[in-house]
Amino acid sequence: MTVRKDGECWMADFYENGQAGRHICKHGFATREAAERYESDFLALRQLTGRPLDERLSDLVRLWHERRGHFVRNSGNRLNILLGTVKRLGDPVISEFDATVWSRYEQTRSTQTVPKRVRAELRYLSAVYSDLIRYGVWRGENPFAPLREAESDVAKSSVYKFRRSRELFAEVDDVDLELPPRTCKARAAQFND
């Protein structure tokens, strides 16, 4: 632990993993105790999550893309969506990112775009944490684990009323698409628009 006076304020100056680790030098602490607390919190979070205290969410997304994301279909598009989401979140420090930050973002974002997009962003970011946990890169818990996706106003499959299905099959009889609609009729007339 190296905490020393730097002019008017205190400075925490240490290495992550002894001399072989990354050199951390943070200035501007009002008291010696604050600098020591920063160092101990940094090392404790490093032990808990496996990642440094000052790492940003965008760093985590890029790390995910290097390890796993490039195997995903449309990986470039997925990376752009994730980085756009992180930018709109303000690229938070991962030690401060939790479900409440996402909830505030979700409230504001849902007024700007369709709910389907917000749910996709939630699934993508949750997958980043899940994959990094699976690979042993992130040792903490997934901050999205307690969250559920917002319910959609539209049901996943529409069940047509008997009268509507009769009208629909009358139209289908005119066209050469008899087998799939008849199969659906046998399965309680469930169609997906």
N, C-alpha and C. Protein backbone atom coordinates (compact mmCIF):
# COMPACT_ATOMS: atom_id res chain seq x y z
N MET A 1 0.84 -1.17 0.00
CA MET A 1 0.00 0.00 0.00
C MET A 1 0.88 1.23 0.00
N THR A 2 0.75 2.00 -1.07
CA THR A 2 1.52 3.22 -1.12
C THR A 2 0.56 4.39 -1.29
N VAL A 3 0.40 5.13 -0.23
CA VAL A 3 -0.41 6.33 -0.25
C VAL A 3 0.51 7.45 0.20
N ARG A 4 0.55 8.51 -0.59
CA ARG A 4 1.47 9.60 -0.22
C ARG A 4 0.86 10.95 -0.55
N LYS A 5 1.43 11.95 0.04
CA LYS A 5 0.98 13.33 -0.15
C LYS A 5 1.49 13.83 -1.50
N ASP A 6 0.59 14.48 -2.25
CA ASP A 6 0.95 15.02 -3.55
C ASP A 6 0.48 16.46 -3.61
N GLY A 7 1.33 17.37 -3.11
CA GLY A 7 0.94 18.78 -3.04
C GLY A 7 -0.13 18.99 -1.98
N GLU A 8 -1.29 19.45 -2.39
CA GLU A 8 -2.39 19.72 -1.47
C GLU A 8 -3.24 18.47 -1.18
N CYS A 9 -3.16 17.46 -2.03
CA CYS A 9 -4.03 16.30 -1.88
C CYS A 9 -3.22 15.01 -1.75
N TRP A 10 -3.93 13.90 -1.61
CA TRP A 10 -3.30 12.59 -1.44
C TRP A 10 -3.40 11.78 -2.72
N MET A 11 -2.47 10.82 -2.86
CA MET A 11 -2.40 10.02 -4.07
C MET A 11 -2.27 8.55 -3.69
N ALA A 12 -3.02 7.69 -4.41
CA ALA A 12 -2.89 6.24 -4.25
C ALA A 12 -2.03 5.76 -5.41
N ASP A 13 -0.93 5.11 -5.10
CA ASP A 13 0.03 4.66 -6.11
C ASP A 13 0.40 3.21 -5.79
N PHE A 14 -0.10 2.27 -6.62
CA PHE A 14 0.13 0.85 -6.33
C PHE A 14 0.07 0.03 -7.62
N TYR A 15 0.40 -1.25 -7.49
CA TYR A 15 0.33 -2.19 -8.61
C TYR A 15 -0.78 -3.19 -8.34
N GLU A 16 -1.48 -3.60 -9.40
CA GLU A 16 -2.61 -4.53 -9.24
C GLU A 16 -2.18 -5.87 -8.65
N ASN A 17 -1.23 -6.52 -9.27
CA ASN A 17 -0.79 -7.85 -8.83
C ASN A 17 0.69 -7.83 -8.48
N GLY A 18 1.03 -7.01 -7.53
CA GLY A 18 2.45 -6.89 -7.20
C GLY A 18 3.18 -6.15 -8.31
N GLN A 19 4.46 -6.37 -8.42
CA GLN A 19 5.27 -5.67 -9.43
C GLN A 19 4.92 -6.10 -10.85
N ALA A 20 4.36 -7.29 -11.03
CA ALA A 20 4.04 -7.76 -12.38
C ALA A 20 2.75 -7.17 -12.92
N GLY A 21 1.91 -6.59 -12.07
CA GLY A 21 0.61 -6.08 -12.49
C GLY A 21 0.65 -4.68 -13.05
N ARG A 22 -0.52 -4.22 -13.41
CA ARG A 22 -0.69 -2.88 -13.97
C ARG A 22 -0.47 -1.83 -12.89
N HIS A 23 0.20 -0.75 -13.25
CA HIS A 23 0.49 0.34 -12.31
C HIS A 23 -0.73 1.26 -12.23
N ILE A 24 -1.23 1.47 -11.02
CA ILE A 24 -2.39 2.33 -10.80
C ILE A 24 -1.93 3.55 -10.01
N CYS A 25 -2.20 4.73 -10.53
CA CYS A 25 -1.82 5.96 -9.87
C CYS A 25 -3.00 6.92 -9.96
N LYS A 26 -3.65 7.17 -8.84
CA LYS A 26 -4.85 8.01 -8.80
C LYS A 26 -4.60 9.19 -7.87
N HIS A 27 -4.79 10.40 -8.37
CA HIS A 27 -4.54 11.64 -7.62
C HIS A 27 -5.86 12.25 -7.15
N GLY A 28 -5.74 13.22 -6.23
CA GLY A 28 -6.87 14.07 -5.90
C GLY A 28 -7.72 13.67 -4.72
N PHE A 29 -7.22 12.86 -3.83
CA PHE A 29 -8.01 12.48 -2.65
C PHE A 29 -7.83 13.54 -1.57
N ALA A 30 -8.92 13.89 -0.90
CA ALA A 30 -8.88 14.93 0.12
C ALA A 30 -8.15 14.46 1.38
N THR A 31 -8.29 13.18 1.71
CA THR A 31 -7.67 12.66 2.93
C THR A 31 -6.88 11.39 2.63
N ARG A 32 -6.01 11.06 3.55
CA ARG A 32 -5.22 9.84 3.42
C ARG A 32 -6.15 8.61 3.45
N GLU A 33 -7.17 8.66 4.32
CA GLU A 33 -8.10 7.55 4.45
C GLU A 33 -8.85 7.29 3.14
N ALA A 34 -9.20 8.36 2.43
CA ALA A 34 -9.91 8.21 1.16
C ALA A 34 -9.02 7.51 0.13
N ALA A 35 -7.75 7.86 0.10
CA ALA A 35 -6.82 7.21 -0.84
C ALA A 35 -6.62 5.74 -0.47
N GLU A 36 -6.51 5.44 0.81
CA GLU A 36 -6.36 4.05 1.24
C GLU A 36 -7.63 3.25 0.95
N ARG A 37 -8.79 3.88 1.16
CA ARG A 37 -10.06 3.21 0.87
C ARG A 37 -10.18 2.89 -0.62
N TYR A 38 -9.74 3.84 -1.49
CA TYR A 38 -9.78 3.60 -2.93
C TYR A 38 -8.93 2.38 -3.29
N GLU A 39 -7.74 2.31 -2.73
CA GLU A 39 -6.85 1.19 -3.03
C GLU A 39 -7.45 -0.14 -2.55
N SER A 40 -7.98 -0.15 -1.34
CA SER A 40 -8.55 -1.40 -0.82
C SER A 40 -9.82 -1.79 -1.59
N ASP A 41 -10.66 -0.81 -1.96
CA ASP A 41 -11.85 -1.10 -2.76
C ASP A 41 -11.47 -1.62 -4.14
N PHE A 42 -10.43 -1.02 -4.72
CA PHE A 42 -9.97 -1.45 -6.04
C PHE A 42 -9.54 -2.91 -6.00
N LEU A 43 -8.73 -3.26 -5.02
CA LEU A 43 -8.23 -4.64 -4.93
C LEU A 43 -9.34 -5.61 -4.54
N ALA A 44 -10.27 -5.19 -3.69
CA ALA A 44 -11.38 -6.06 -3.30
C ALA A 44 -12.30 -6.35 -4.48
N LEU A 45 -12.60 -5.31 -5.27
CA LEU A 45 -13.45 -5.52 -6.44
C LEU A 45 -12.74 -6.37 -7.47
N ARG A 46 -11.45 -6.20 -7.59
CA ARG A 46 -10.67 -7.03 -8.50
C ARG A 46 -10.79 -8.50 -8.11
N GLN A 47 -10.74 -8.78 -6.80
CA GLN A 47 -10.89 -10.15 -6.32
C GLN A 47 -12.31 -10.67 -6.55
N LEU A 48 -13.31 -9.80 -6.36
CA LEU A 48 -14.70 -10.20 -6.47
C LEU A 48 -15.13 -10.45 -7.91
N THR A 49 -14.78 -9.54 -8.80
CA THR A 49 -15.28 -9.62 -10.18
C THR A 49 -14.24 -10.11 -11.18
N GLY A 50 -12.99 -10.02 -10.83
CA GLY A 50 -11.95 -10.39 -11.78
C GLY A 50 -11.59 -9.26 -12.73
N ARG A 51 -12.22 -8.13 -12.59
CA ARG A 51 -11.96 -6.98 -13.45
C ARG A 51 -11.55 -5.78 -12.60
N PRO A 52 -10.80 -4.84 -13.17
CA PRO A 52 -10.37 -3.66 -12.40
C PRO A 52 -11.53 -2.73 -12.07
N LEU A 53 -11.36 -1.96 -11.01
CA LEU A 53 -12.38 -1.05 -10.52
C LEU A 53 -12.70 0.05 -11.52
N ASP A 54 -11.72 0.51 -12.25
CA ASP A 54 -11.92 1.65 -13.15
C ASP A 54 -12.32 1.25 -14.56
N GLU A 55 -12.58 -0.01 -14.80
CA GLU A 55 -12.94 -0.45 -16.15
C GLU A 55 -14.36 -0.01 -16.49
N ARG A 56 -14.57 0.37 -17.72
CA ARG A 56 -15.88 0.86 -18.19
C ARG A 56 -16.66 -0.27 -18.84
N LEU A 57 -17.96 -0.05 -18.99
CA LEU A 57 -18.83 -1.05 -19.61
C LEU A 57 -18.44 -1.29 -21.06
N SER A 58 -17.98 -0.26 -21.76
CA SER A 58 -17.56 -0.43 -23.15
C SER A 58 -16.34 -1.36 -23.23
N ASP A 59 -15.45 -1.32 -22.23
CA ASP A 59 -14.31 -2.23 -22.20
C ASP A 59 -14.78 -3.67 -22.06
N LEU A 60 -15.81 -3.87 -21.23
CA LEU A 60 -16.36 -5.21 -21.04
C LEU A 60 -17.02 -5.73 -22.32
N VAL A 61 -17.72 -4.85 -23.04
CA VAL A 61 -18.37 -5.25 -24.29
C VAL A 61 -17.31 -5.61 -25.33
N ARG A 62 -16.25 -4.83 -25.41
CA ARG A 62 -15.18 -5.14 -26.38
C ARG A 62 -14.47 -6.45 -26.02
N LEU A 63 -14.26 -6.68 -24.74
CA LEU A 63 -13.67 -7.94 -24.29
C LEU A 63 -14.57 -9.11 -24.65
N TRP A 64 -15.88 -8.96 -24.45
CA TRP A 64 -16.84 -10.00 -24.84
C TRP A 64 -16.76 -10.26 -26.34
N HIS A 65 -16.65 -9.19 -27.12
CA HIS A 65 -16.60 -9.37 -28.58
C HIS A 65 -15.34 -10.12 -29.00
N GLU A 66 -14.23 -9.84 -28.33
CA GLU A 66 -13.00 -10.56 -28.65
C GLU A 66 -13.11 -12.04 -28.30
N ARG A 67 -13.71 -12.35 -27.17
CA ARG A 67 -13.78 -13.73 -26.69
C ARG A 67 -14.91 -14.52 -27.32
N ARG A 68 -16.09 -13.94 -27.42
CA ARG A 68 -17.27 -14.68 -27.82
C ARG A 68 -18.05 -14.03 -28.95
N GLY A 69 -18.13 -12.71 -28.94
CA GLY A 69 -19.01 -11.98 -29.83
C GLY A 69 -18.75 -12.16 -31.30
N HIS A 70 -17.51 -12.39 -31.68
CA HIS A 70 -17.23 -12.53 -33.10
C HIS A 70 -17.75 -13.85 -33.66
N PHE A 71 -18.19 -14.78 -32.80
CA PHE A 71 -18.80 -16.02 -33.26
C PHE A 71 -20.30 -15.88 -33.49
N VAL A 72 -20.89 -14.82 -32.99
CA VAL A 72 -22.32 -14.60 -33.10
C VAL A 72 -22.65 -14.14 -34.52
N ARG A 73 -23.80 -14.60 -35.02
CA ARG A 73 -24.23 -14.18 -36.35
C ARG A 73 -24.45 -12.67 -36.31
N ASN A 74 -24.07 -11.97 -37.35
CA ASN A 74 -24.14 -10.50 -37.42
C ASN A 74 -23.37 -9.86 -36.27
N SER A 75 -22.15 -10.33 -36.05
CA SER A 75 -21.37 -9.86 -34.90
C SER A 75 -21.07 -8.36 -34.97
N GLY A 76 -20.80 -7.85 -36.15
CA GLY A 76 -20.52 -6.42 -36.29
C GLY A 76 -21.73 -5.58 -35.91
N ASN A 77 -22.90 -6.00 -36.36
CA ASN A 77 -24.13 -5.30 -36.02
C ASN A 77 -24.41 -5.39 -34.53
N ARG A 78 -24.21 -6.57 -33.95
CA ARG A 78 -24.44 -6.74 -32.51
C ARG A 78 -23.50 -5.86 -31.70
N LEU A 79 -22.23 -5.79 -32.12
CA LEU A 79 -21.27 -4.93 -31.42
C LEU A 79 -21.68 -3.47 -31.50
N ASN A 80 -22.15 -3.02 -32.68
CA ASN A 80 -22.58 -1.63 -32.83
C ASN A 80 -23.79 -1.33 -31.96
N ILE A 81 -24.73 -2.26 -31.88
CA ILE A 81 -25.91 -2.07 -31.03
C ILE A 81 -25.48 -1.96 -29.57
N LEU A 82 -24.59 -2.87 -29.14
CA LEU A 82 -24.13 -2.86 -27.76
C LEU A 82 -23.38 -1.58 -27.43
N LEU A 83 -22.48 -1.16 -28.30
CA LEU A 83 -21.72 0.06 -28.04
C LEU A 83 -22.62 1.30 -28.06
N GLY A 84 -23.64 1.30 -28.92
CA GLY A 84 -24.61 2.40 -28.91
C GLY A 84 -25.40 2.44 -27.61
N THR A 85 -25.78 1.28 -27.12
CA THR A 85 -26.49 1.20 -25.84
C THR A 85 -25.61 1.70 -24.71
N VAL A 86 -24.36 1.27 -24.72
CA VAL A 86 -23.41 1.69 -23.68
C VAL A 86 -23.20 3.20 -23.74
N LYS A 87 -23.12 3.76 -24.95
CA LYS A 87 -22.94 5.20 -25.10
C LYS A 87 -24.15 5.95 -24.54
N ARG A 88 -25.37 5.45 -24.83
CA ARG A 88 -26.57 6.10 -24.30
C ARG A 88 -26.66 5.96 -22.78
N LEU A 89 -26.09 4.89 -22.23
CA LEU A 89 -26.04 4.72 -20.77
C LEU A 89 -25.01 5.65 -20.13
N GLY A 90 -24.13 6.24 -20.94
CA GLY A 90 -23.09 7.13 -20.42
C GLY A 90 -21.80 6.40 -20.14
N ASP A 91 -21.62 5.21 -20.68
CA ASP A 91 -20.44 4.37 -20.48
C ASP A 91 -20.03 4.33 -19.01
N PRO A 92 -20.89 3.73 -18.16
CA PRO A 92 -20.61 3.74 -16.72
C PRO A 92 -19.43 2.86 -16.35
N VAL A 93 -18.83 3.18 -15.23
CA VAL A 93 -17.79 2.33 -14.65
C VAL A 93 -18.50 1.05 -14.19
N ILE A 94 -17.92 -0.11 -14.47
CA ILE A 94 -18.64 -1.36 -14.19
C ILE A 94 -18.89 -1.58 -12.70
N SER A 95 -18.10 -0.96 -11.85
CA SER A 95 -18.35 -1.11 -10.41
C SER A 95 -19.60 -0.36 -9.98
N GLU A 96 -20.06 0.61 -10.78
CA GLU A 96 -21.25 1.39 -10.44
C GLU A 96 -22.47 0.98 -11.25
N PHE A 97 -22.31 0.04 -12.16
CA PHE A 97 -23.42 -0.37 -13.04
C PHE A 97 -24.22 -1.48 -12.37
N ASP A 98 -25.52 -1.26 -12.25
CA ASP A 98 -26.39 -2.27 -11.65
C ASP A 98 -27.78 -2.17 -12.26
N ALA A 99 -28.73 -2.90 -11.70
CA ALA A 99 -30.09 -2.96 -12.24
C ALA A 99 -30.80 -1.61 -12.18
N THR A 100 -30.49 -0.80 -11.19
CA THR A 100 -31.17 0.50 -11.10
C THR A 100 -30.74 1.44 -12.22
N VAL A 101 -29.48 1.38 -12.61
CA VAL A 101 -29.01 2.19 -13.74
C VAL A 101 -29.75 1.77 -15.01
N TRP A 102 -29.90 0.46 -15.20
CA TRP A 102 -30.61 -0.03 -16.37
C TRP A 102 -32.08 0.37 -16.31
N SER A 103 -32.71 0.32 -15.16
CA SER A 103 -34.13 0.67 -15.04
C SER A 103 -34.37 2.12 -15.42
N ARG A 104 -33.49 3.01 -14.98
CA ARG A 104 -33.63 4.42 -15.36
C ARG A 104 -33.46 4.58 -16.87
N TYR A 105 -32.48 3.88 -17.43
CA TYR A 105 -32.25 3.94 -18.88
C TYR A 105 -33.47 3.41 -19.63
N GLU A 106 -34.03 2.31 -19.14
CA GLU A 106 -35.17 1.67 -19.79
C GLU A 106 -36.38 2.61 -19.82
N GLN A 107 -36.58 3.36 -18.75
CA GLN A 107 -37.70 4.30 -18.71
C GLN A 107 -37.56 5.40 -19.75
N THR A 108 -36.37 5.97 -19.86
CA THR A 108 -36.18 7.04 -20.83
C THR A 108 -36.13 6.51 -22.25
N ARG A 109 -35.51 5.36 -22.44
CA ARG A 109 -35.37 4.80 -23.78
C ARG A 109 -36.70 4.33 -24.35
N SER A 110 -37.59 3.85 -23.50
CA SER A 110 -38.87 3.34 -23.99
C SER A 110 -39.73 4.46 -24.57
N THR A 111 -39.47 5.71 -24.22
CA THR A 111 -40.19 6.82 -24.83
C THR A 111 -39.60 7.21 -26.18
N GLN A 112 -38.38 6.77 -26.46
CA GLN A 112 -37.70 7.15 -27.69
C GLN A 112 -37.81 6.11 -28.80
N THR A 113 -38.06 4.86 -28.44
CA THR A 113 -38.08 3.80 -29.43
C THR A 113 -39.12 2.75 -29.03
N VAL A 114 -39.26 1.75 -29.88
CA VAL A 114 -40.25 0.71 -29.60
C VAL A 114 -39.75 -0.21 -28.48
N PRO A 115 -40.65 -0.78 -27.70
CA PRO A 115 -40.24 -1.65 -26.59
C PRO A 115 -39.43 -2.87 -27.04
N LYS A 116 -39.68 -3.32 -28.26
CA LYS A 116 -38.94 -4.48 -28.78
C LYS A 116 -37.44 -4.20 -28.80
N ARG A 117 -37.06 -3.00 -29.16
CA ARG A 117 -35.64 -2.61 -29.23
C ARG A 117 -35.03 -2.60 -27.82
N VAL A 118 -35.78 -2.07 -26.85
CA VAL A 118 -35.27 -2.01 -25.47
C VAL A 118 -35.08 -3.41 -24.91
N ARG A 119 -36.03 -4.31 -25.20
CA ARG A 119 -35.90 -5.70 -24.74
C ARG A 119 -34.70 -6.38 -25.38
N ALA A 120 -34.45 -6.08 -26.66
CA ALA A 120 -33.29 -6.66 -27.33
C ALA A 120 -31.99 -6.16 -26.70
N GLU A 121 -31.93 -4.87 -26.38
CA GLU A 121 -30.74 -4.31 -25.74
C GLU A 121 -30.50 -4.97 -24.38
N LEU A 122 -31.57 -5.22 -23.64
CA LEU A 122 -31.45 -5.90 -22.35
C LEU A 122 -30.91 -7.32 -22.53
N ARG A 123 -31.45 -8.05 -23.51
CA ARG A 123 -30.98 -9.42 -23.76
C ARG A 123 -29.52 -9.43 -24.18
N TYR A 124 -29.12 -8.49 -25.02
CA TYR A 124 -27.74 -8.45 -25.51
C TYR A 124 -26.76 -8.17 -24.37
N LEU A 125 -27.07 -7.17 -23.52
CA LEU A 125 -26.16 -6.86 -22.42
C LEU A 125 -26.14 -7.97 -21.37
N SER A 126 -27.28 -8.60 -21.15
CA SER A 126 -27.31 -9.72 -20.21
C SER A 126 -26.47 -10.88 -20.74
N ALA A 127 -26.51 -11.09 -22.05
CA ALA A 127 -25.71 -12.15 -22.67
C ALA A 127 -24.21 -11.86 -22.55
N VAL A 128 -23.84 -10.59 -22.60
CA VAL A 128 -22.42 -10.22 -22.42
C VAL A 128 -21.94 -10.70 -21.06
N TYR A 129 -22.69 -10.35 -20.01
CA TYR A 129 -22.30 -10.77 -18.66
C TYR A 129 -22.34 -12.29 -18.51
N SER A 130 -23.37 -12.93 -19.04
CA SER A 130 -23.49 -14.39 -18.91
C SER A 130 -22.32 -15.10 -19.58
N ASP A 131 -21.96 -14.65 -20.77
CA ASP A 131 -20.84 -15.29 -21.47
C ASP A 131 -19.52 -15.05 -20.74
N LEU A 132 -19.30 -13.84 -20.23
CA LEU A 132 -18.05 -13.57 -19.52
C LEU A 132 -17.98 -14.34 -18.21
N ILE A 133 -19.12 -14.57 -17.56
CA ILE A 133 -19.15 -15.42 -16.37
C ILE A 133 -18.80 -16.85 -16.75
N ARG A 134 -19.37 -17.31 -17.85
CA ARG A 134 -19.11 -18.68 -18.32
C ARG A 134 -17.63 -18.89 -18.66
N TYR A 135 -16.99 -17.86 -19.21
CA TYR A 135 -15.57 -17.96 -19.57
C TYR A 135 -14.64 -17.68 -18.39
N GLY A 136 -15.18 -17.29 -17.25
CA GLY A 136 -14.36 -17.02 -16.08
C GLY A 136 -13.70 -15.66 -16.08
N VAL A 137 -14.09 -14.79 -16.98
CA VAL A 137 -13.52 -13.45 -17.05
C VAL A 137 -14.17 -12.54 -16.02
N TRP A 138 -15.47 -12.71 -15.81
CA TRP A 138 -16.22 -11.95 -14.82
C TRP A 138 -16.63 -12.89 -13.70
N ARG A 139 -16.19 -12.58 -12.48
CA ARG A 139 -16.48 -13.46 -11.35
C ARG A 139 -17.63 -12.97 -10.50
N GLY A 140 -18.14 -11.79 -10.79
CA GLY A 140 -19.28 -11.27 -10.05
C GLY A 140 -20.56 -11.89 -10.58
N GLU A 141 -21.68 -11.33 -10.18
CA GLU A 141 -22.94 -11.83 -10.69
C GLU A 141 -23.44 -10.95 -11.82
N ASN A 142 -24.34 -11.47 -12.60
CA ASN A 142 -24.92 -10.74 -13.71
C ASN A 142 -25.87 -9.68 -13.15
N PRO A 143 -25.62 -8.38 -13.41
CA PRO A 143 -26.50 -7.34 -12.86
C PRO A 143 -27.90 -7.39 -13.44
N PHE A 144 -28.08 -8.11 -14.54
CA PHE A 144 -29.40 -8.21 -15.16
C PHE A 144 -30.18 -9.41 -14.67
N ALA A 145 -29.59 -10.24 -13.81
CA ALA A 145 -30.26 -11.45 -13.33
C ALA A 145 -31.58 -11.15 -12.63
N PRO A 146 -31.68 -10.11 -11.79
CA PRO A 146 -32.97 -9.87 -11.14
C PRO A 146 -34.02 -9.24 -12.05
N LEU A 147 -33.62 -8.79 -13.24
CA LEU A 147 -34.56 -8.09 -14.13
C LEU A 147 -35.33 -9.07 -15.00
N ARG A 148 -36.54 -8.68 -15.32
CA ARG A 148 -37.35 -9.43 -16.28
C ARG A 148 -37.60 -8.52 -17.46
N GLU A 149 -37.82 -9.12 -18.62
CA GLU A 149 -38.16 -8.32 -19.78
C GLU A 149 -39.54 -7.73 -19.58
N ALA A 150 -39.73 -6.52 -20.08
CA ALA A 150 -41.04 -5.88 -20.00
C ALA A 150 -42.03 -6.67 -20.85
N GLU A 151 -43.24 -6.76 -20.36
CA GLU A 151 -44.26 -7.50 -21.09
C GLU A 151 -44.65 -6.74 -22.34
N SER A 152 -44.92 -7.48 -23.39
CA SER A 152 -45.34 -6.89 -24.64
C SER A 152 -46.86 -6.71 -24.64
N ASP A 153 -47.33 -5.67 -25.30
CA ASP A 153 -48.77 -5.45 -25.40
C ASP A 153 -49.43 -6.45 -26.35
N VAL A 154 -48.65 -6.93 -27.31
CA VAL A 154 -49.18 -7.84 -28.31
C VAL A 154 -48.85 -9.26 -27.90
N ALA A 155 -49.84 -10.13 -27.98
CA ALA A 155 -49.61 -11.53 -27.65
C ALA A 155 -48.70 -12.15 -28.70
N LYS A 156 -47.96 -13.20 -28.31
CA LYS A 156 -47.03 -13.82 -29.25
C LYS A 156 -47.74 -14.51 -30.40
N SER A 157 -48.87 -15.13 -30.16
CA SER A 157 -49.65 -15.72 -31.24
C SER A 157 -51.09 -15.29 -31.08
N SER A 158 -51.72 -14.98 -32.17
CA SER A 158 -53.10 -14.53 -32.14
C SER A 158 -54.01 -15.71 -32.38
N VAL A 159 -55.01 -15.82 -31.57
CA VAL A 159 -55.99 -16.87 -31.77
C VAL A 159 -57.21 -16.23 -32.41
N TYR A 160 -57.52 -16.69 -33.61
CA TYR A 160 -58.64 -16.10 -34.33
C TYR A 160 -59.95 -16.71 -33.85
N LYS A 161 -60.97 -15.91 -33.84
CA LYS A 161 -62.30 -16.38 -33.52
C LYS A 161 -62.78 -17.28 -34.65
N PHE A 162 -63.72 -18.13 -34.35
CA PHE A 162 -64.19 -19.09 -35.34
C PHE A 162 -64.71 -18.39 -36.58
N ARG A 163 -65.46 -17.30 -36.41
CA ARG A 163 -66.01 -16.58 -37.56
C ARG A 163 -64.88 -16.02 -38.42
N ARG A 164 -63.85 -15.43 -37.79
CA ARG A 164 -62.72 -14.87 -38.53
C ARG A 164 -61.95 -15.97 -39.24
N SER A 165 -61.81 -17.14 -38.62
CA SER A 165 -61.08 -18.22 -39.28
C SER A 165 -61.86 -18.73 -40.49
N ARG A 166 -63.20 -18.71 -40.41
CA ARG A 166 -64.00 -19.13 -41.56
C ARG A 166 -63.76 -18.18 -42.73
N GLU A 167 -63.73 -16.87 -42.45
CA GLU A 167 -63.47 -15.89 -43.51
C GLU A 167 -62.07 -16.07 -44.09
N LEU A 168 -61.13 -16.33 -43.22
CA LEU A 168 -59.74 -16.50 -43.65
C LEU A 168 -59.59 -17.73 -44.53
N PHE A 169 -60.22 -18.83 -44.14
CA PHE A 169 -60.12 -20.05 -44.95
C PHE A 169 -60.87 -19.94 -46.26
N ALA A 170 -61.90 -19.11 -46.30
CA ALA A 170 -62.59 -18.87 -47.56
C ALA A 170 -61.65 -18.16 -48.53
N GLU A 171 -60.83 -17.23 -48.00
CA GLU A 171 -59.85 -16.55 -48.85
C GLU A 171 -58.72 -17.49 -49.25
N VAL A 172 -58.32 -18.37 -48.36
CA VAL A 172 -57.22 -19.28 -48.63
C VAL A 172 -57.63 -20.33 -49.66
N ASP A 173 -58.89 -20.71 -49.65
CA ASP A 173 -59.36 -21.72 -50.62
C ASP A 173 -59.18 -21.23 -52.05
N ASP A 174 -59.22 -19.90 -52.25
CA ASP A 174 -59.04 -19.33 -53.59
C ASP A 174 -57.59 -19.42 -54.04
N VAL A 175 -56.67 -19.51 -53.10
CA VAL A 175 -55.24 -19.54 -53.41
C VAL A 175 -54.74 -20.96 -53.26
N ASP A 176 -53.58 -21.23 -53.81
CA ASP A 176 -53.01 -22.58 -53.80
C ASP A 176 -52.20 -22.86 -52.53
N LEU A 177 -52.58 -22.34 -51.41
CA LEU A 177 -51.84 -22.52 -50.16
C LEU A 177 -52.67 -23.33 -49.17
N GLU A 178 -53.15 -24.47 -49.57
CA GLU A 178 -54.11 -25.16 -48.74
C GLU A 178 -53.49 -25.90 -47.56
N LEU A 179 -52.34 -26.54 -47.73
CA LEU A 179 -51.82 -27.39 -46.67
C LEU A 179 -51.43 -26.65 -45.38
N PRO A 180 -50.60 -25.59 -45.43
CA PRO A 180 -50.25 -24.92 -44.16
C PRO A 180 -51.45 -24.35 -43.40
N PRO A 181 -52.38 -23.65 -44.08
CA PRO A 181 -53.53 -23.15 -43.31
C PRO A 181 -54.40 -24.25 -42.74
N ARG A 182 -54.56 -25.36 -43.46
CA ARG A 182 -55.36 -26.47 -42.95
C ARG A 182 -54.69 -27.08 -41.73
N THR A 183 -53.36 -27.16 -41.75
CA THR A 183 -52.63 -27.67 -40.59
C THR A 183 -52.84 -26.77 -39.40
N CYS A 184 -52.81 -25.47 -39.62
CA CYS A 184 -53.04 -24.52 -38.53
C CYS A 184 -54.46 -24.61 -38.01
N LYS A 185 -55.41 -24.86 -38.91
CA LYS A 185 -56.80 -24.99 -38.49
C LYS A 185 -56.95 -26.19 -37.57
N ALA A 186 -56.24 -27.24 -37.87
CA ALA A 186 -56.29 -28.43 -37.03
C ALA A 186 -55.66 -28.18 -35.67
N ARG A 187 -54.82 -27.19 -35.57
CA ARG A 187 -54.16 -26.84 -34.29
C ARG A 187 -54.82 -25.62 -33.64
N ALA A 188 -56.12 -25.60 -33.62
CA ALA A 188 -56.92 -24.56 -32.95
C ALA A 188 -56.79 -23.19 -33.59
N ALA A 189 -56.49 -23.17 -34.86
CA ALA A 189 -56.46 -21.93 -35.66
C ALA A 189 -55.56 -20.86 -35.06
N GLN A 190 -54.36 -21.26 -34.64
CA GLN A 190 -53.40 -20.28 -34.14
C GLN A 190 -52.53 -19.83 -35.28
N PHE A 191 -52.54 -18.54 -35.55
CA PHE A 191 -51.75 -17.96 -36.62
C PHE A 191 -50.86 -16.88 -36.04
N ASN A 192 -49.80 -16.68 -36.72
CA ASN A 192 -48.90 -15.58 -36.36
C ASN A 192 -48.92 -14.60 -37.51
N ASP A 193 -49.43 -13.40 -37.25
CA ASP A 193 -49.53 -12.40 -38.33
C ASP A 193 -48.21 -12.21 -38.89
